[in-house]
PDB file of all heavy atoms in Angstrom:
ATOM      1  N   ASN A   1     -69.282 -35.466 -34.611  1.00  0.00           N
ATOM      2  CA  ASN A   1     -68.783 -34.600 -33.538  1.00  0.00           C
ATOM      3  C   ASN A   1     -67.423 -35.062 -33.040  1.00  0.00           C
ATOM      4  O   ASN A   1     -66.553 -34.238 -32.724  1.00  0.00           O
ATOM      5  CB  ASN A   1     -69.786 -34.568 -32.383  1.00  0.00           C
ATOM      6  CG  ASN A   1     -71.105 -33.924 -32.780  1.00  0.00           C
ATOM      7  OD1 ASN A   1     -71.135 -33.042 -33.646  1.00  0.00           O
ATOM      8  ND2 ASN A   1     -72.195 -34.359 -32.177  1.00  0.00           N
ATOM      9  N   GLY A   2     -67.236 -36.382 -32.966  1.00  0.00           N
ATOM     10  CA  GLY A   2     -65.956 -36.913 -32.505  1.00  0.00           C
ATOM     11  C   GLY A   2     -64.815 -36.564 -33.440  1.00  0.00           C
ATOM     12  O   GLY A   2     -63.739 -36.133 -33.002  1.00  0.00           O
ATOM     13  N   TRP A   3     -65.029 -36.724 -34.738  1.00  0.00           N
ATOM     14  CA  TRP A   3     -63.963 -36.401 -35.694  1.00  0.00           C
ATOM     15  C   TRP A   3     -63.715 -34.896 -35.743  1.00  0.00           C
ATOM     16  O   TRP A   3     -62.564 -34.461 -35.880  1.00  0.00           O
ATOM     17  CB  TRP A   3     -64.328 -36.942 -37.071  1.00  0.00           C
ATOM     18  CG  TRP A   3     -64.011 -38.422 -37.195  1.00  0.00           C
ATOM     19  CD1 TRP A   3     -63.759 -39.285 -36.183  1.00  0.00           C
ATOM     20  CD2 TRP A   3     -63.910 -39.175 -38.403  1.00  0.00           C
ATOM     21  NE1 TRP A   3     -63.527 -40.544 -36.672  1.00  0.00           N
ATOM     22  CE2 TRP A   3     -63.616 -40.502 -38.032  1.00  0.00           C
ATOM     23  CE3 TRP A   3     -64.073 -38.876 -39.744  1.00  0.00           C
ATOM     24  CZ2 TRP A   3     -63.450 -41.525 -38.973  1.00  0.00           C
ATOM     25  CZ3 TRP A   3     -63.915 -39.889 -40.686  1.00  0.00           C
ATOM     26  CH2 TRP A   3     -63.602 -41.190 -40.309  1.00  0.00           C
ATOM     27  N   ARG A   4     -64.759 -34.105 -35.638  1.00  0.00           N
ATOM     28  CA  ARG A   4     -64.541 -32.658 -35.624  1.00  0.00           C
ATOM     29  C   ARG A   4     -63.736 -32.242 -34.398  1.00  0.00           C
ATOM     30  O   ARG A   4     -62.909 -31.327 -34.472  1.00  0.00           O
ATOM     31  CB  ARG A   4     -65.889 -31.941 -35.662  1.00  0.00           C
ATOM     32  CG  ARG A   4     -66.526 -31.964 -37.040  1.00  0.00           C
ATOM     33  CD  ARG A   4     -67.922 -31.386 -37.083  1.00  0.00           C
ATOM     34  NE  ARG A   4     -68.371 -31.205 -38.465  1.00  0.00           N
ATOM     35  CZ  ARG A   4     -69.584 -30.842 -38.828  1.00  0.00           C
ATOM     36  NH1 ARG A   4     -70.505 -30.602 -37.885  1.00  0.00           N
ATOM     37  NH2 ARG A   4     -69.900 -30.700 -40.104  1.00  0.00           N
ATOM     38  N   GLU A   5     -63.943 -32.945 -33.293  1.00  0.00           N
ATOM     39  CA  GLU A   5     -63.178 -32.629 -32.081  1.00  0.00           C
ATOM     40  C   GLU A   5     -61.715 -33.017 -32.238  1.00  0.00           C
ATOM     41  O   GLU A   5     -60.818 -32.216 -31.953  1.00  0.00           O
ATOM     42  CB  GLU A   5     -63.789 -33.352 -30.877  1.00  0.00           C
ATOM     43  CG  GLU A   5     -63.047 -33.085 -29.571  1.00  0.00           C
ATOM     44  CD  GLU A   5     -63.693 -33.762 -28.376  1.00  0.00           C
ATOM     45  OE1 GLU A   5     -64.857 -34.216 -28.494  1.00  0.00           O
ATOM     46  OE2 GLU A   5     -63.027 -33.855 -27.321  1.00  0.00           O
ATOM     47  N   VAL A   6     -61.444 -34.243 -32.704  1.00  0.00           N
ATOM     48  CA  VAL A   6     -60.047 -34.694 -32.760  1.00  0.00           C
ATOM     49  C   VAL A   6     -59.266 -33.973 -33.847  1.00  0.00           C
ATOM     50  O   VAL A   6     -58.042 -33.797 -33.727  1.00  0.00           O
ATOM     51  CB  VAL A   6     -59.950 -36.226 -32.945  1.00  0.00           C
ATOM     52  CG1 VAL A   6     -60.553 -36.949 -31.755  1.00  0.00           C
ATOM     53  CG2 VAL A   6     -60.603 -36.685 -34.245  1.00  0.00           C
ATOM     54  N   PHE A   7     -59.939 -33.536 -34.914  1.00  0.00           N
ATOM     55  CA  PHE A   7     -59.257 -32.758 -35.951  1.00  0.00           C
ATOM     56  C   PHE A   7     -59.266 -31.262 -35.633  1.00  0.00           C
ATOM     57  O   PHE A   7     -58.764 -30.466 -36.435  1.00  0.00           O
ATOM     58  CB  PHE A   7     -59.902 -32.999 -37.315  1.00  0.00           C
ATOM     59  CG  PHE A   7     -59.444 -34.262 -37.992  1.00  0.00           C
ATOM     60  CD1 PHE A   7     -60.229 -35.406 -37.949  1.00  0.00           C
ATOM     61  CD2 PHE A   7     -58.227 -34.325 -38.645  1.00  0.00           C
ATOM     62  CE1 PHE A   7     -59.817 -36.584 -38.556  1.00  0.00           C
ATOM     63  CE2 PHE A   7     -57.798 -35.491 -39.258  1.00  0.00           C
ATOM     64  CZ  PHE A   7     -58.587 -36.628 -39.217  1.00  0.00           C
ATOM     65  N   ASN A   8     -59.854 -30.911 -34.488  1.00  0.00           N
ATOM     66  CA  ASN A   8     -59.886 -29.520 -34.040  1.00  0.00           C
ATOM     67  C   ASN A   8     -60.468 -28.620 -35.124  1.00  0.00           C
ATOM     68  O   ASN A   8     -59.935 -27.562 -35.455  1.00  0.00           O
ATOM     69  CB  ASN A   8     -58.475 -29.038 -33.649  1.00  0.00           C
ATOM     70  CG  ASN A   8     -58.513 -27.737 -32.872  1.00  0.00           C
ATOM     71  OD1 ASN A   8     -59.485 -27.444 -32.176  1.00  0.00           O
ATOM     72  ND2 ASN A   8     -57.459 -26.945 -32.988  1.00  0.00           N
ATOM     73  N   SER A   9     -61.600 -29.062 -35.693  1.00  0.00           N
ATOM     74  CA  SER A   9     -62.230 -28.326 -36.779  1.00  0.00           C
ATOM     75  C   SER A   9     -63.742 -28.483 -36.646  1.00  0.00           C
ATOM     76  O   SER A   9     -64.342 -29.397 -37.218  1.00  0.00           O
ATOM     77  CB  SER A   9     -61.752 -28.855 -38.137  1.00  0.00           C
ATOM     78  OG  SER A   9     -62.306 -28.116 -39.186  1.00  0.00           O
ATOM     79  N   SER A  10     -64.364 -27.586 -35.894  1.00  0.00           N
ATOM     80  CA  SER A  10     -65.762 -27.771 -35.503  1.00  0.00           C
ATOM     81  C   SER A  10     -66.739 -27.699 -36.669  1.00  0.00           C
ATOM     82  O   SER A  10     -67.829 -28.256 -36.600  1.00  0.00           O
ATOM     83  CB  SER A  10     -66.153 -26.717 -34.458  1.00  0.00           C
ATOM     84  OG  SER A  10     -65.993 -25.407 -34.989  1.00  0.00           O
ATOM     85  N   GLY A  11     -66.359 -27.030 -37.745  1.00  0.00           N
ATOM     86  CA  GLY A  11     -67.294 -26.884 -38.853  1.00  0.00           C
ATOM     87  C   GLY A  11     -66.858 -27.572 -40.126  1.00  0.00           C
ATOM     88  O   GLY A  11     -67.376 -27.272 -41.204  1.00  0.00           O
ATOM     89  N   ILE A  12     -65.928 -28.510 -40.032  1.00  0.00           N
ATOM     90  CA  ILE A  12     -65.409 -29.147 -41.240  1.00  0.00           C
ATOM     91  C   ILE A  12     -66.548 -29.825 -42.001  1.00  0.00           C
ATOM     92  O   ILE A  12     -67.394 -30.503 -41.422  1.00  0.00           O
ATOM     93  CB  ILE A  12     -64.299 -30.158 -40.887  1.00  0.00           C
ATOM     94  CG1 ILE A  12     -63.606 -30.638 -42.166  1.00  0.00           C
ATOM     95  CG2 ILE A  12     -64.828 -31.328 -40.081  1.00  0.00           C
ATOM     96  CD1 ILE A  12     -62.350 -31.443 -41.901  1.00  0.00           C
ATOM     97  N   PRO A  13     -66.634 -29.618 -43.325  1.00  0.00           N
ATOM     98  CA  PRO A  13     -67.709 -30.251 -44.104  1.00  0.00           C
ATOM     99  C   PRO A  13     -67.663 -31.777 -43.977  1.00  0.00           C
ATOM    100  O   PRO A  13     -66.603 -32.391 -44.112  1.00  0.00           O
ATOM    101  CB  PRO A  13     -67.408 -29.808 -45.537  1.00  0.00           C
ATOM    102  CG  PRO A  13     -66.640 -28.536 -45.388  1.00  0.00           C
ATOM    103  CD  PRO A  13     -65.811 -28.714 -44.147  1.00  0.00           C
ATOM    104  N   PHE A  14     -68.810 -32.348 -43.729  1.00  0.00           N
ATOM    105  CA  PHE A  14     -68.936 -33.799 -43.590  1.00  0.00           C
ATOM    106  C   PHE A  14     -70.010 -34.251 -44.573  1.00  0.00           C
ATOM    107  O   PHE A  14     -71.191 -33.950 -44.402  1.00  0.00           O
ATOM    108  CB  PHE A  14     -69.322 -34.173 -42.156  1.00  0.00           C
ATOM    109  CG  PHE A  14     -69.170 -35.637 -41.845  1.00  0.00           C
ATOM    110  CD1 PHE A  14     -68.079 -36.097 -41.133  1.00  0.00           C
ATOM    111  CD2 PHE A  14     -70.129 -36.560 -42.259  1.00  0.00           C
ATOM    112  CE1 PHE A  14     -67.933 -37.447 -40.839  1.00  0.00           C
ATOM    113  CE2 PHE A  14     -69.998 -37.900 -41.973  1.00  0.00           C
ATOM    114  CZ  PHE A  14     -68.895 -38.358 -41.261  1.00  0.00           C
ATOM    115  N   ILE A  15     -69.587 -34.971 -45.609  1.00  0.00           N
ATOM    116  CA  ILE A  15     -70.472 -35.384 -46.691  1.00  0.00           C
ATOM    117  C   ILE A  15     -70.560 -36.903 -46.700  1.00  0.00           C
ATOM    118  O   ILE A  15     -69.532 -37.586 -46.704  1.00  0.00           O
ATOM    119  CB  ILE A  15     -69.950 -34.863 -48.046  1.00  0.00           C
ATOM    120  CG1 ILE A  15     -69.891 -33.330 -48.023  1.00  0.00           C
ATOM    121  CG2 ILE A  15     -70.807 -35.369 -49.195  1.00  0.00           C
ATOM    122  CD1 ILE A  15     -69.091 -32.733 -49.157  1.00  0.00           C
ATOM    123  N   TYR A  16     -71.767 -37.432 -46.700  1.00  0.00           N
ATOM    124  CA  TYR A  16     -71.890 -38.887 -46.612  1.00  0.00           C
ATOM    125  C   TYR A  16     -72.921 -39.420 -47.603  1.00  0.00           C
ATOM    126  O   TYR A  16     -73.821 -38.709 -48.061  1.00  0.00           O
ATOM    127  CB  TYR A  16     -72.235 -39.322 -45.186  1.00  0.00           C
ATOM    128  CG  TYR A  16     -73.501 -38.751 -44.607  1.00  0.00           C
ATOM    129  CD1 TYR A  16     -74.700 -39.454 -44.653  1.00  0.00           C
ATOM    130  CD2 TYR A  16     -73.497 -37.504 -43.974  1.00  0.00           C
ATOM    131  CE1 TYR A  16     -75.861 -38.935 -44.095  1.00  0.00           C
ATOM    132  CE2 TYR A  16     -74.649 -36.971 -43.419  1.00  0.00           C
ATOM    133  CZ  TYR A  16     -75.830 -37.693 -43.479  1.00  0.00           C
ATOM    134  OH  TYR A  16     -76.979 -37.181 -42.935  1.00  0.00           O
ATOM    135  N   ALA A  17     -72.760 -40.687 -47.937  1.00  0.00           N
ATOM    136  CA  ALA A  17     -73.628 -41.357 -48.902  1.00  0.00           C
ATOM    137  C   ALA A  17     -74.704 -42.145 -48.173  1.00  0.00           C
ATOM    138  O   ALA A  17     -74.407 -42.964 -47.311  1.00  0.00           O
ATOM    139  CB  ALA A  17     -72.803 -42.294 -49.787  1.00  0.00           C
ATOM    140  N   GLN A  18     -75.954 -41.888 -48.529  1.00  0.00           N
ATOM    141  CA  GLN A  18     -77.041 -42.709 -48.025  1.00  0.00           C
ATOM    142  C   GLN A  18     -77.018 -44.058 -48.751  1.00  0.00           C
ATOM    143  O   GLN A  18     -76.659 -44.142 -49.924  1.00  0.00           O
ATOM    144  CB  GLN A  18     -78.382 -42.010 -48.260  1.00  0.00           C
ATOM    145  CG  GLN A  18     -79.563 -42.677 -47.571  1.00  0.00           C
ATOM    146  CD  GLN A  18     -80.872 -41.986 -47.910  1.00  0.00           C
ATOM    147  OE1 GLN A  18     -81.216 -41.872 -49.090  1.00  0.00           O
ATOM    148  NE2 GLN A  18     -81.592 -41.511 -46.904  1.00  0.00           N
ATOM    149  N   LEU A  19     -77.386 -45.126 -48.042  1.00  0.00           N
ATOM    150  CA  LEU A  19     -77.326 -46.453 -48.639  1.00  0.00           C
ATOM    151  C   LEU A  19     -78.214 -46.548 -49.874  1.00  0.00           C
ATOM    152  O   LEU A  19     -79.345 -46.068 -49.884  1.00  0.00           O
ATOM    153  CB  LEU A  19     -77.767 -47.516 -47.633  1.00  0.00           C
ATOM    154  CG  LEU A  19     -76.829 -47.799 -46.459  1.00  0.00           C
ATOM    155  CD1 LEU A  19     -77.363 -48.979 -45.657  1.00  0.00           C
ATOM    156  CD2 LEU A  19     -75.411 -48.071 -46.930  1.00  0.00           C
ATOM    157  N   PRO A  20     -77.721 -47.213 -50.923  1.00  0.00           N
ATOM    158  CA  PRO A  20     -78.529 -47.400 -52.132  1.00  0.00           C
ATOM    159  C   PRO A  20     -79.531 -48.538 -51.962  1.00  0.00           C
ATOM    160  O   PRO A  20     -79.579 -49.202 -50.923  1.00  0.00           O
ATOM    161  CB  PRO A  20     -77.478 -47.752 -53.187  1.00  0.00           C
ATOM    162  CG  PRO A  20     -76.407 -48.454 -52.411  1.00  0.00           C
ATOM    163  CD  PRO A  20     -76.371 -47.770 -51.067  1.00  0.00           C
ATOM    164  N   ASN A  21     -80.308 -48.770 -52.995  1.00  0.00           N
ATOM    165  CA  ASN A  21     -81.231 -49.901 -53.021  1.00  0.00           C
ATOM    166  C   ASN A  21     -80.455 -51.213 -53.126  1.00  0.00           C
ATOM    167  O   ASN A  21     -79.422 -51.293 -53.787  1.00  0.00           O
ATOM    168  CB  ASN A  21     -82.197 -49.768 -54.190  1.00  0.00           C
ATOM    169  CG  ASN A  21     -81.486 -49.486 -55.515  1.00  0.00           C
ATOM    170  OD1 ASN A  21     -80.659 -48.588 -55.601  1.00  0.00           O
ATOM    171  ND2 ASN A  21     -81.819 -50.240 -56.545  1.00  0.00           N
ATOM    172  N   PHE A  22     -80.966 -52.267 -52.483  1.00  0.00           N
ATOM    173  CA  PHE A  22     -80.277 -53.560 -52.467  1.00  0.00           C
ATOM    174  C   PHE A  22     -81.272 -54.645 -52.063  1.00  0.00           C
ATOM    175  O   PHE A  22     -82.211 -54.393 -51.321  1.00  0.00           O
ATOM    176  CB  PHE A  22     -79.098 -53.505 -51.481  1.00  0.00           C
ATOM    177  CG  PHE A  22     -78.382 -54.814 -51.304  1.00  0.00           C
ATOM    178  CD1 PHE A  22     -77.885 -55.517 -52.391  1.00  0.00           C
ATOM    179  CD2 PHE A  22     -78.193 -55.353 -50.035  1.00  0.00           C
ATOM    180  CE1 PHE A  22     -77.225 -56.721 -52.224  1.00  0.00           C
ATOM    181  CE2 PHE A  22     -77.528 -56.555 -49.855  1.00  0.00           C
ATOM    182  CZ  PHE A  22     -77.045 -57.246 -50.952  1.00  0.00           C
ATOM    183  N   MET A  23     -81.037 -55.852 -52.542  1.00  0.00           N
ATOM    184  CA  MET A  23     -81.799 -57.073 -52.259  1.00  0.00           C
ATOM    185  C   MET A  23     -83.092 -57.124 -53.080  1.00  0.00           C
ATOM    186  O   MET A  23     -83.320 -56.336 -53.982  1.00  0.00           O
ATOM    187  CB  MET A  23     -82.048 -57.236 -50.760  1.00  0.00           C
ATOM    188  CG  MET A  23     -80.746 -57.406 -49.967  1.00  0.00           C
ATOM    189  SD  MET A  23     -80.975 -57.777 -48.212  1.00  0.00           S
ATOM    190  CE  MET A  23     -81.542 -56.204 -47.589  1.00  0.00           C
ATOM    191  N   ASP A  24     -83.949 -58.094 -52.748  1.00  0.00           N
ATOM    192  CA  ASP A  24     -85.139 -58.358 -53.545  1.00  0.00           C
ATOM    193  C   ASP A  24     -86.118 -57.191 -53.494  1.00  0.00           C
ATOM    194  O   ASP A  24     -86.266 -56.524 -52.468  1.00  0.00           O
ATOM    195  CB  ASP A  24     -85.859 -59.611 -53.038  1.00  0.00           C
ATOM    196  CG  ASP A  24     -85.036 -60.873 -53.235  1.00  0.00           C
ATOM    197  OD1 ASP A  24     -84.119 -60.848 -54.077  1.00  0.00           O
ATOM    198  OD2 ASP A  24     -85.311 -61.871 -52.551  1.00  0.00           O
ATOM    199  N   VAL A  25     -86.806 -56.978 -54.614  1.00  0.00           N
ATOM    200  CA  VAL A  25     -87.889 -56.007 -54.664  1.00  0.00           C
ATOM    201  C   VAL A  25     -89.123 -56.634 -54.020  1.00  0.00           C
ATOM    202  O   VAL A  25     -89.492 -57.769 -54.319  1.00  0.00           O
ATOM    203  CB  VAL A  25     -88.208 -55.607 -56.116  1.00  0.00           C
ATOM    204  CG1 VAL A  25     -89.438 -54.707 -56.172  1.00  0.00           C
ATOM    205  CG2 VAL A  25     -87.009 -54.912 -56.749  1.00  0.00           C
ATOM    206  N   ASN A  26     -89.735 -55.895 -53.098  1.00  0.00           N
ATOM    207  CA  ASN A  26     -90.983 -56.336 -52.477  1.00  0.00           C
ATOM    208  C   ASN A  26     -92.112 -55.467 -53.037  1.00  0.00           C
ATOM    209  O   ASN A  26     -92.092 -54.250 -52.877  1.00  0.00           O
ATOM    210  CB  ASN A  26     -90.906 -56.210 -50.958  1.00  0.00           C
ATOM    211  CG  ASN A  26     -92.041 -56.905 -50.251  1.00  0.00           C
ATOM    212  OD1 ASN A  26     -93.115 -57.065 -50.819  1.00  0.00           O
ATOM    213  ND2 ASN A  26     -91.816 -57.319 -49.007  1.00  0.00           N
ATOM    214  N   TYR A  27     -93.088 -56.111 -53.670  1.00  0.00           N
ATOM    215  CA  TYR A  27     -94.130 -55.349 -54.343  1.00  0.00           C
ATOM    216  C   TYR A  27     -95.307 -54.995 -53.433  1.00  0.00           C
ATOM    217  O   TYR A  27     -96.308 -54.446 -53.899  1.00  0.00           O
ATOM    218  CB  TYR A  27     -94.594 -56.107 -55.585  1.00  0.00           C
ATOM    219  CG  TYR A  27     -93.549 -56.086 -56.681  1.00  0.00           C
ATOM    220  CD1 TYR A  27     -92.612 -57.098 -56.796  1.00  0.00           C
ATOM    221  CD2 TYR A  27     -93.476 -55.016 -57.563  1.00  0.00           C
ATOM    222  CE1 TYR A  27     -91.636 -57.066 -57.782  1.00  0.00           C
ATOM    223  CE2 TYR A  27     -92.510 -54.965 -58.551  1.00  0.00           C
ATOM    224  CZ  TYR A  27     -91.584 -55.999 -58.657  1.00  0.00           C
ATOM    225  OH  TYR A  27     -90.617 -55.954 -59.631  1.00  0.00           O
ATOM    226  N   MET A  28     -95.189 -55.310 -52.147  1.00  0.00           N
ATOM    227  CA  MET A  28     -96.174 -54.889 -51.161  1.00  0.00           C
ATOM    228  C   MET A  28     -95.486 -54.016 -50.118  1.00  0.00           C
ATOM    229  O   MET A  28     -94.301 -54.207 -49.818  1.00  0.00           O
ATOM    230  CB  MET A  28     -96.805 -56.104 -50.487  1.00  0.00           C
ATOM    231  CG  MET A  28     -97.676 -56.938 -51.405  1.00  0.00           C
ATOM    232  SD  MET A  28     -99.116 -56.016 -52.013  1.00  0.00           S
ATOM    233  CE  MET A  28    -100.047 -55.852 -50.483  1.00  0.00           C
ATOM    234  N   PRO A  29     -96.184 -53.041 -49.532  1.00  0.00           N
ATOM    235  CA  PRO A  29     -95.583 -52.252 -48.452  1.00  0.00           C
ATOM    236  C   PRO A  29     -95.091 -53.178 -47.337  1.00  0.00           C
ATOM    237  O   PRO A  29     -95.778 -54.128 -46.957  1.00  0.00           O
ATOM    238  CB  PRO A  29     -96.729 -51.363 -47.980  1.00  0.00           C
ATOM    239  CG  PRO A  29     -97.650 -51.274 -49.149  1.00  0.00           C
ATOM    240  CD  PRO A  29     -97.566 -52.615 -49.828  1.00  0.00           C
ATOM    241  N   SER A  30     -93.905 -52.903 -46.839  1.00  0.00           N
ATOM    242  CA  SER A  30     -93.317 -53.821 -45.864  1.00  0.00           C
ATOM    243  C   SER A  30     -92.348 -53.077 -44.960  1.00  0.00           C
ATOM    244  O   SER A  30     -91.997 -51.923 -45.203  1.00  0.00           O
ATOM    245  CB  SER A  30     -92.581 -54.959 -46.579  1.00  0.00           C
ATOM    246  OG  SER A  30     -91.539 -54.438 -47.400  1.00  0.00           O
ATOM    247  N   GLU A  31     -91.904 -53.773 -43.922  1.00  0.00           N
ATOM    248  CA  GLU A  31     -90.879 -53.226 -43.036  1.00  0.00           C
ATOM    249  C   GLU A  31     -89.504 -53.435 -43.664  1.00  0.00           C
ATOM    250  O   GLU A  31     -89.311 -54.320 -44.506  1.00  0.00           O
ATOM    251  CB  GLU A  31     -90.942 -53.889 -41.663  1.00  0.00           C
ATOM    252  CG  GLU A  31     -92.279 -53.744 -40.967  1.00  0.00           C
ATOM    253  CD  GLU A  31     -92.686 -52.297 -40.801  1.00  0.00           C
ATOM    254  OE1 GLU A  31     -91.830 -51.476 -40.424  1.00  0.00           O
ATOM    255  OE2 GLU A  31     -93.865 -51.982 -41.054  1.00  0.00           O
ATOM    256  N   SER A  32     -88.523 -52.650 -43.240  1.00  0.00           N
ATOM    257  CA  SER A  32     -87.196 -52.745 -43.850  1.00  0.00           C
ATOM    258  C   SER A  32     -86.143 -52.143 -42.943  1.00  0.00           C
ATOM    259  O   SER A  32     -86.217 -50.966 -42.592  1.00  0.00           O
ATOM    260  CB  SER A  32     -87.184 -52.009 -45.198  1.00  0.00           C
ATOM    261  OG  SER A  32     -85.861 -51.794 -45.651  1.00  0.00           O
ATOM    262  N   ASN A  33     -85.148 -52.945 -42.585  1.00  0.00           N
ATOM    263  CA  ASN A  33     -84.013 -52.419 -41.824  1.00  0.00           C
ATOM    264  C   ASN A  33     -83.203 -51.426 -42.643  1.00  0.00           C
ATOM    265  O   ASN A  33     -82.680 -50.435 -42.113  1.00  0.00           O
ATOM    266  CB  ASN A  33     -83.111 -53.562 -41.363  1.00  0.00           C
ATOM    267  CG  ASN A  33     -83.607 -54.208 -40.085  1.00  0.00           C
ATOM    268  OD1 ASN A  33     -84.765 -54.044 -39.702  1.00  0.00           O
ATOM    269  ND2 ASN A  33     -82.739 -54.931 -39.410  1.00  0.00           N
ATOM    270  N   TRP A  34     -83.058 -51.705 -43.935  1.00  0.00           N
ATOM    271  CA  TRP A  34     -82.298 -50.782 -44.778  1.00  0.00           C
ATOM    272  C   TRP A  34     -83.005 -49.433 -44.859  1.00  0.00           C
ATOM    273  O   TRP A  34     -82.342 -48.389 -44.852  1.00  0.00           O
ATOM    274  CB  TRP A  34     -82.090 -51.387 -46.168  1.00  0.00           C
ATOM    275  CG  TRP A  34     -80.922 -52.335 -46.189  1.00  0.00           C
ATOM    276  CD1 TRP A  34     -80.797 -53.491 -45.472  1.00  0.00           C
ATOM    277  CD2 TRP A  34     -79.715 -52.183 -46.935  1.00  0.00           C
ATOM    278  NE1 TRP A  34     -79.584 -54.073 -45.733  1.00  0.00           N
ATOM    279  CE2 TRP A  34     -78.896 -53.296 -46.633  1.00  0.00           C
ATOM    280  CE3 TRP A  34     -79.241 -51.242 -47.836  1.00  0.00           C
ATOM    281  CZ2 TRP A  34     -77.635 -53.476 -47.193  1.00  0.00           C
ATOM    282  CZ3 TRP A  34     -77.982 -51.417 -48.406  1.00  0.00           C
ATOM    283  CH2 TRP A  34     -77.192 -52.517 -48.085  1.00  0.00           C
ATOM    284  N   ALA A  35     -84.329 -49.434 -44.924  1.00  0.00           N
ATOM    285  CA  ALA A  35     -85.063 -48.166 -44.938  1.00  0.00           C
ATOM    286  C   ALA A  35     -84.888 -47.427 -43.616  1.00  0.00           C
ATOM    287  O   ALA A  35     -84.739 -46.204 -43.590  1.00  0.00           O
ATOM    288  CB  ALA A  35     -86.540 -48.421 -45.221  1.00  0.00           C
ATOM    289  N   GLU A  36     -84.903 -48.169 -42.508  1.00  0.00           N
ATOM    290  CA  GLU A  36     -84.707 -47.534 -41.201  1.00  0.00           C
ATOM    291  C   GLU A  36     -83.326 -46.921 -41.091  1.00  0.00           C
ATOM    292  O   GLU A  36     -83.150 -45.837 -40.523  1.00  0.00           O
ATOM    293  CB  GLU A  36     -84.939 -48.546 -40.076  1.00  0.00           C
ATOM    294  CG  GLU A  36     -86.391 -48.880 -39.848  1.00  0.00           C
ATOM    295  CD  GLU A  36     -86.623 -49.555 -38.503  1.00  0.00           C
ATOM    296  OE1 GLU A  36     -86.041 -49.099 -37.502  1.00  0.00           O
ATOM    297  OE2 GLU A  36     -87.372 -50.538 -38.462  1.00  0.00           O
ATOM    298  N   LEU A  37     -82.317 -47.613 -41.639  1.00  0.00           N
ATOM    299  CA  LEU A  37     -80.973 -47.034 -41.561  1.00  0.00           C
ATOM    300  C   LEU A  37     -80.878 -45.787 -42.428  1.00  0.00           C
ATOM    301  O   LEU A  37     -80.257 -44.788 -42.033  1.00  0.00           O
ATOM    302  CB  LEU A  37     -79.912 -48.048 -41.962  1.00  0.00           C
ATOM    303  CG  LEU A  37     -78.509 -47.546 -41.579  1.00  0.00           C
ATOM    304  CD1 LEU A  37     -77.756 -48.564 -40.744  1.00  0.00           C
ATOM    305  CD2 LEU A  37     -77.700 -47.126 -42.785  1.00  0.00           C
ATOM    306  N   ARG A  38     -81.508 -45.820 -43.604  1.00  0.00           N
ATOM    307  CA  ARG A  38     -81.526 -44.605 -44.436  1.00  0.00           C
ATOM    308  C   ARG A  38     -82.195 -43.453 -43.685  1.00  0.00           C
ATOM    309  O   ARG A  38     -81.781 -42.296 -43.800  1.00  0.00           O
ATOM    310  CB  ARG A  38     -82.261 -44.871 -45.753  1.00  0.00           C
ATOM    311  CG  ARG A  38     -81.546 -45.846 -46.674  1.00  0.00           C
ATOM    312  CD  ARG A  38     -82.244 -45.965 -48.027  1.00  0.00           C
ATOM    313  NE  ARG A  38     -81.784 -47.164 -48.723  1.00  0.00           N
ATOM    314  CZ  ARG A  38     -82.519 -48.248 -48.948  1.00  0.00           C
ATOM    315  NH1 ARG A  38     -83.789 -48.279 -48.544  1.00  0.00           N
ATOM    316  NH2 ARG A  38     -82.013 -49.285 -49.572  1.00  0.00           N
TER     317      ARG A  38
END
């Protein structure tokens, strides 16, 4: 919203990359900050 306001373009396409997989594989269900950010 901030960039759309300063560029005076309310509907400008905004395309972003979700974080990829990274760090050790955990073979049991677990908590994850990276999953929460995704």
